[in-house]
Amino acid sequence: MTTLAPPPPAPATPPPPLSPGGRTAVRVTLIVAAVVLVVGSLVSLGVIAFGISGFRVITDSKALPSQMRALVVDTGSVPVAVRITTDRNASEPRADLRMVNSMRAGANPLGVSVDRGETRITINGESSPFLQWSRGGEISVVLPPDLARRLTVTTRQDNGVVLAQADVDQLNANTDNGAVILSGSARRIEIHTDNGDVVTPDRISVSEAFIATTDNGAVKVDFSEAAPKTIDATSDNGDVVIALPARGPYVVNASTDNGDAVVRVPQTQDREAAAAVVTVRSQNGDVVIEDLR
């Protein structure tokens, strides 16, 4: 039997050759596109350079009243971190500022005022899109230890991290966008943040009450020695993890709408006999109450 091979495929029709005018048009199109790209890049870089040239790094420092009992740090819309520290060698309390600020602003943007026993720290700065991608600066409040232990500290920020590293009487932190990082001790701590975590890199000591709420973020706090008498921690979107001293027992109310609720500490229903009353909630996240390890 003879097998006939299929006929060879017809050769592909080559594209028609470009005329000299057509080749010239393609070259012109490529050159115009390249020019537009280069000009656009140069314009973008020029705009960025012009925006950055309007800012500078500045420092400022102000002494604070040595007998103050209440301190408010209000950074407004200026994106800066707030650090609260103690220094046993400090002869007086002070606020130190380092930040990127507008050339139009003054050389001393740090403001300190006293009204009815309350000391208030503010910043004369500008919020700019050029500063939103990074931390614009930092305020360090440096306190003698004896003064800090008698002091109520309140922070108010639109954007910025709070680093509380001192032993104070009370700490109240309020921020729209930023984490609150806690260490040291206090009689009472109250934290409210819209977008940010509340965490403790080291164990903290709180004797009376700890209250923390965040809309979008986690609450992860370890308590040393004895737990505060009242703990109330809430997150709409994030985990809530509380670590307590092993000795108890505790009155515990742990709930979550979408997640797991785990309790690993001794419990009681008797509030009088309880070492602490613990209420933790999360709408979308896990809830864990465990003993320190």
Protein backbone atom coordinates (compact mmCIF):
# COMPACT_ATOMS: atom_id res chain seq x y z
CA MET A 1 0.00 0.00 0.00
CA THR A 2 1.30 3.37 -0.96
CA THR A 3 0.80 6.25 1.51
CA LEU A 4 0.53 9.66 0.01
CA ALA A 5 2.15 12.42 2.02
CA PRO A 6 0.01 15.55 2.51
CA PRO A 7 0.97 18.44 0.33
CA PRO A 8 3.42 20.92 1.92
CA PRO A 9 1.83 23.93 3.59
CA ALA A 10 1.62 27.04 1.55
CA PRO A 11 4.38 29.52 2.41
CA ALA A 12 3.32 32.31 4.68
CA THR A 13 2.77 35.53 2.92
CA PRO A 14 5.53 37.92 4.01
CA PRO A 15 4.42 41.33 5.23
CA PRO A 16 4.56 43.96 2.59
CA PRO A 17 7.78 45.95 2.76
CA LEU A 18 7.60 49.38 4.29
CA SER A 19 8.04 52.24 2.00
CA PRO A 20 10.68 54.84 2.88
CA GLY A 21 7.85 57.10 4.04
CA GLY A 22 6.42 54.37 6.29
CA ARG A 23 9.79 53.68 7.92
CA THR A 24 10.20 57.37 8.58
CA ALA A 25 6.76 57.55 10.25
CA VAL A 26 7.59 54.63 12.59
CA ARG A 27 10.88 56.24 13.56
CA VAL A 28 9.19 59.54 14.25
CA THR A 29 6.54 57.81 16.41
CA LEU A 30 9.19 56.01 18.51
CA ILE A 31 11.21 59.19 18.94
CA VAL A 32 8.14 61.18 20.03
CA ALA A 33 7.18 58.46 22.55
CA ALA A 34 10.72 58.45 23.99
CA VAL A 35 10.76 62.23 24.26
CA VAL A 36 7.38 62.25 26.03
CA LEU A 37 8.61 59.60 28.50
CA VAL A 38 11.85 61.46 29.26
CA VAL A 39 10.12 64.82 29.63
CA GLY A 40 7.47 63.31 31.89
CA SER A 41 10.14 61.74 34.12
CA LEU A 42 12.07 65.00 34.33
CA VAL A 43 8.92 66.93 35.21
CA SER A 44 8.03 64.41 37.95
CA LEU A 45 11.53 64.55 39.41
CA GLY A 46 11.46 68.32 39.25
CA VAL A 47 8.18 68.47 41.13
CA ILE A 48 9.51 66.11 43.81
CA ALA A 49 12.76 68.06 44.11
CA PHE A 50 10.85 71.32 44.37
CA GLY A 51 8.62 69.88 47.10
CA ILE A 52 11.53 68.48 49.08
CA SER A 53 13.51 71.70 48.75
CA GLY A 54 10.78 73.46 50.71
CA PHE A 55 11.60 71.42 53.85
CA ARG A 56 14.53 71.14 56.24
CA VAL A 57 15.55 69.14 59.31
CA ILE A 58 15.40 71.23 62.46
CA THR A 59 15.81 70.69 66.20
CA ASP A 60 14.26 72.49 69.12
CA SER A 61 14.21 72.07 72.89
CA LYS A 62 12.10 73.60 75.65
CA ALA A 63 12.26 73.35 79.43
CA LEU A 64 9.09 72.21 81.20
CA PRO A 65 7.78 73.26 84.62
CA SER A 66 9.48 71.30 87.39
CA GLN A 67 6.29 71.08 89.49
CA MET A 68 3.79 70.13 86.79
CA ARG A 69 1.21 67.44 87.51
CA ALA A 70 -0.44 67.12 84.09
CA LEU A 71 1.27 67.14 80.69
CA VAL A 72 -0.47 67.14 77.28
CA VAL A 73 1.50 66.50 74.08
CA ASP A 74 -0.66 67.55 71.11
CA THR A 75 1.01 67.12 67.72
CA GLY A 76 -2.13 67.78 65.66
CA SER A 77 -1.69 66.93 61.98
CA VAL A 78 2.13 66.94 62.06
CA PRO A 79 3.37 63.34 61.67
CA VAL A 80 5.78 62.80 64.57
CA ALA A 81 6.46 60.10 67.13
CA VAL A 82 6.09 60.89 70.82
CA ARG A 83 8.58 59.31 73.22
CA ILE A 84 8.12 59.55 77.02
CA THR A 85 11.29 58.71 78.96
CA THR A 86 12.96 59.29 82.31
CA ASP A 87 16.52 60.33 83.08
CA ARG A 88 17.85 60.21 86.63
CA ASN A 89 20.52 62.73 85.66
CA ALA A 90 18.01 65.28 84.35
CA SER A 91 17.92 68.37 86.55
CA GLU A 92 14.62 69.52 85.03
CA PRO A 93 12.01 68.13 82.65
CA ARG A 94 12.32 69.09 79.00
CA ALA A 95 10.97 68.40 75.53
CA ASP A 96 13.37 67.78 72.63
CA LEU A 97 12.16 67.92 69.03
CA ARG A 98 13.77 66.78 65.83
CA MET A 99 11.65 66.94 62.70
CA VAL A 100 11.36 67.78 59.03
CA ASN A 101 9.55 71.10 58.77
CA SER A 102 8.56 73.64 56.12
CA MET A 103 10.98 76.40 55.26
CA ARG A 104 8.06 78.78 55.74
CA ALA A 105 7.71 77.80 59.40
CA GLY A 106 9.79 79.35 62.14
CA ALA A 107 13.08 78.02 63.43
CA ASN A 108 11.55 77.11 66.82
CA PRO A 109 8.35 75.15 66.15
CA LEU A 110 8.05 73.68 69.64
CA GLY A 111 5.49 75.47 71.79
CA VAL A 112 4.95 75.12 75.56
CA SER A 113 2.10 76.72 77.48
CA VAL A 114 0.73 76.41 81.00
CA ASP A 115 -2.93 76.84 81.87
CA ARG A 116 -4.50 76.02 85.24
CA GLY A 117 -1.73 73.66 86.19
CA GLU A 118 -1.74 71.79 82.85
CA THR A 119 1.37 72.00 80.68
CA ARG A 120 0.75 71.65 76.95
CA ILE A 121 3.29 70.93 74.21
CA THR A 122 2.34 71.78 70.62
CA ILE A 123 4.09 71.96 67.25
CA ASN A 124 4.00 74.77 64.74
CA GLY A 125 4.51 72.63 61.65
CA GLU A 126 2.83 71.69 58.43
CA SER A 127 1.26 68.45 57.29
CA SER A 128 2.42 67.71 53.75
CA PRO A 129 2.01 64.83 51.29
CA PHE A 130 5.81 64.77 51.04
CA LEU A 131 6.00 63.77 54.73
CA GLN A 132 3.27 61.14 54.85
CA TRP A 133 5.51 58.36 53.55
CA SER A 134 7.85 58.56 56.52
CA ARG A 135 7.94 59.61 60.12
CA GLY A 136 8.27 63.36 60.08
CA GLY A 137 10.16 63.57 63.37
CA GLU A 138 10.11 62.82 67.07
CA ILE A 139 9.34 64.59 70.33
CA SER A 140 11.20 63.19 73.32
CA VAL A 141 9.80 64.20 76.69
CA VAL A 142 12.56 63.65 79.26
CA LEU A 143 11.45 63.55 82.91
CA PRO A 144 13.20 63.18 86.27
CA PRO A 145 11.95 59.88 87.75
CA ASP A 146 10.40 61.44 90.90
CA LEU A 147 8.38 63.88 88.81
CA ALA A 148 7.29 61.21 86.32
CA ARG A 149 5.79 59.00 89.03
CA ARG A 150 3.40 61.82 90.02
CA LEU A 151 2.55 62.89 86.48
CA THR A 152 -0.49 62.39 84.22
CA VAL A 153 0.65 62.28 80.57
CA THR A 154 -1.81 62.67 77.67
CA THR A 155 -0.88 62.40 73.99
CA ARG A 156 -3.02 63.45 71.03
CA GLN A 157 -1.90 62.71 67.46
CA ASP A 158 -3.35 62.39 63.99
CA ASN A 159 -0.34 60.40 62.75
CA GLY A 160 2.49 59.02 64.82
CA VAL A 161 3.74 56.35 67.18
CA VAL A 162 3.67 56.63 70.98
CA LEU A 163 6.62 55.12 72.84
CA ALA A 164 5.88 55.21 76.58
CA GLN A 165 9.08 54.23 78.40
CA ALA A 166 8.60 55.87 81.80
CA ASP A 167 7.05 55.10 85.17
CA VAL A 168 4.15 57.58 85.40
CA ASP A 169 0.98 57.95 87.42
CA GLN A 170 -1.41 57.97 84.44
CA LEU A 171 -0.98 57.61 80.69
CA ASN A 172 -3.69 58.55 78.18
CA ALA A 173 -2.78 58.04 74.50
CA ASN A 174 -5.05 59.00 71.61
CA THR A 175 -3.96 58.59 67.98
CA ASP A 176 -5.74 58.21 64.67
CA ASN A 177 -2.95 56.39 62.85
CA GLY A 178 -0.12 54.91 64.81
CA ALA A 179 0.91 52.19 67.22
CA VAL A 180 1.25 52.58 70.98
CA ILE A 181 4.29 50.79 72.41
CA LEU A 182 4.26 50.47 76.19
CA SER A 183 6.92 49.78 78.79
CA GLY A 184 7.49 50.96 82.34
CA SER A 185 4.64 51.28 84.82
CA ALA A 186 1.58 53.33 85.70
CA ARG A 187 -1.34 53.42 88.05
CA ARG A 188 -3.74 53.76 85.14
CA ILE A 189 -3.34 53.46 81.35
CA GLU A 190 -5.99 54.31 78.75
CA ILE A 191 -5.26 53.89 75.02
CA HIS A 192 -7.45 54.73 72.01
CA THR A 193 -6.25 54.32 68.41
CA ASP A 194 -8.14 54.04 65.14
CA ASN A 195 -5.41 52.33 63.12
CA GLY A 196 -2.55 50.82 65.07
CA ASP A 197 -1.44 48.13 67.47
CA VAL A 198 -1.14 48.36 71.24
CA VAL A 199 1.84 46.25 72.29
CA THR A 200 4.36 45.71 75.08
CA PRO A 201 7.87 44.62 74.05
CA ASP A 202 8.54 44.11 77.78
CA ARG A 203 6.21 43.31 80.66
CA ILE A 204 4.51 46.34 82.16
CA SER A 205 3.18 47.03 85.63
CA VAL A 206 -0.26 48.65 86.02
CA SER A 207 -1.87 48.73 89.44
CA GLU A 208 -5.40 50.11 88.95
CA ALA A 209 -6.81 49.96 85.40
CA PHE A 210 -5.76 49.18 81.86
CA ILE A 211 -8.11 50.18 79.01
CA ALA A 212 -7.25 49.82 75.31
CA THR A 213 -9.39 50.10 72.19
CA THR A 214 -8.35 49.92 68.53
CA ASP A 215 -10.48 49.81 65.40
CA ASN A 216 -7.85 48.22 63.17
CA GLY A 217 -5.00 46.63 65.05
CA ALA A 218 -4.00 44.08 67.64
CA VAL A 219 -3.75 44.39 71.41
CA LYS A 220 -0.90 42.28 72.80
CA VAL A 221 0.02 43.13 76.38
CA ASP A 222 2.01 41.30 79.08
CA PHE A 223 1.55 42.29 82.72
CA SER A 224 4.26 41.69 85.31
CA GLU A 225 4.01 41.14 89.07
CA ALA A 226 0.31 41.76 89.80
CA ALA A 227 -2.39 42.40 87.22
CA PRO A 228 -4.34 45.67 87.33
CA LYS A 229 -7.69 45.42 89.09
CA THR A 230 -9.52 46.15 85.83
CA ILE A 231 -8.53 45.16 82.30
CA ASP A 232 -10.68 46.11 79.32
CA ALA A 233 -9.24 45.53 75.83
CA THR A 234 -11.16 45.71 72.55
CA SER A 235 -10.33 45.43 68.85
CA ASP A 236 -12.74 45.59 65.92
CA ASN A 237 -10.28 44.03 63.49
CA GLY A 238 -7.38 42.31 65.21
CA ASP A 239 -6.34 39.81 67.84
CA VAL A 240 -6.43 40.54 71.56
CA VAL A 241 -3.81 38.65 73.59
CA ILE A 242 -3.41 39.35 77.31
CA ALA A 243 -0.78 37.61 79.46
CA LEU A 244 -1.38 37.66 83.24
CA PRO A 245 0.63 36.56 86.28
CA ALA A 246 -0.01 32.90 87.08
CA ARG A 247 -1.55 33.64 90.45
CA GLY A 248 -5.25 34.43 90.26
CA PRO A 249 -8.04 33.63 90.03
CA TYR A 250 -9.60 36.05 87.54
CA VAL A 251 -13.08 37.03 86.51
CA VAL A 252 -12.89 36.66 82.73
CA ASN A 253 -15.25 37.73 79.99
CA ALA A 254 -13.70 36.84 76.60
CA SER A 255 -15.70 37.05 73.39
CA THR A 256 -15.20 37.24 69.62
CA ASP A 257 -17.59 37.32 66.68
CA ASN A 258 -15.18 35.84 64.13
CA GLY A 259 -12.29 33.96 65.71
CA ASP A 260 -11.34 31.73 68.62
CA ALA A 261 -11.63 32.60 72.32
CA VAL A 262 -9.08 30.85 74.55
CA VAL A 263 -8.70 31.27 78.32
CA ARG A 264 -5.71 29.66 80.05
CA VAL A 265 -5.81 31.28 83.51
CA PRO A 266 -7.62 30.19 86.70
CA GLN A 267 -11.14 31.65 86.79
CA THR A 268 -13.77 32.58 89.35
CA GLN A 269 -17.16 34.25 89.36
CA ASP A 270 -16.51 35.93 92.70
CA ARG A 271 -15.37 39.49 91.99
CA GLU A 272 -14.37 40.04 95.61
CA ALA A 273 -12.01 37.07 95.50
CA ALA A 274 -10.67 37.78 92.02
CA ALA A 275 -7.23 39.20 91.45
CA ALA A 276 -8.63 41.17 88.48
CA VAL A 277 -11.71 41.58 86.32
CA VAL A 278 -10.72 40.98 82.70
CA THR A 279 -12.91 41.88 79.72
CA VAL A 280 -11.55 41.31 76.22
CA ARG A 281 -13.45 41.51 72.95
CA SER A 282 -12.73 41.27 69.23
CA GLN A 283 -15.14 41.52 66.36
CA ASN A 284 -12.78 39.97 63.81
CA GLY A 285 -9.87 38.24 65.49
CA ASP A 286 -8.79 35.76 68.12
CA VAL A 287 -9.01 36.40 71.86
CA VAL A 288 -6.44 34.80 74.15
CA ILE A 289 -5.93 35.19 77.91
CA GLU A 290 -2.96 33.22 79.13
CA ASP A 291 -0.51 33.08 82.01
CA LEU A 292 2.98 34.51 81.81
CA ARG A 293 5.66 32.06 80.79
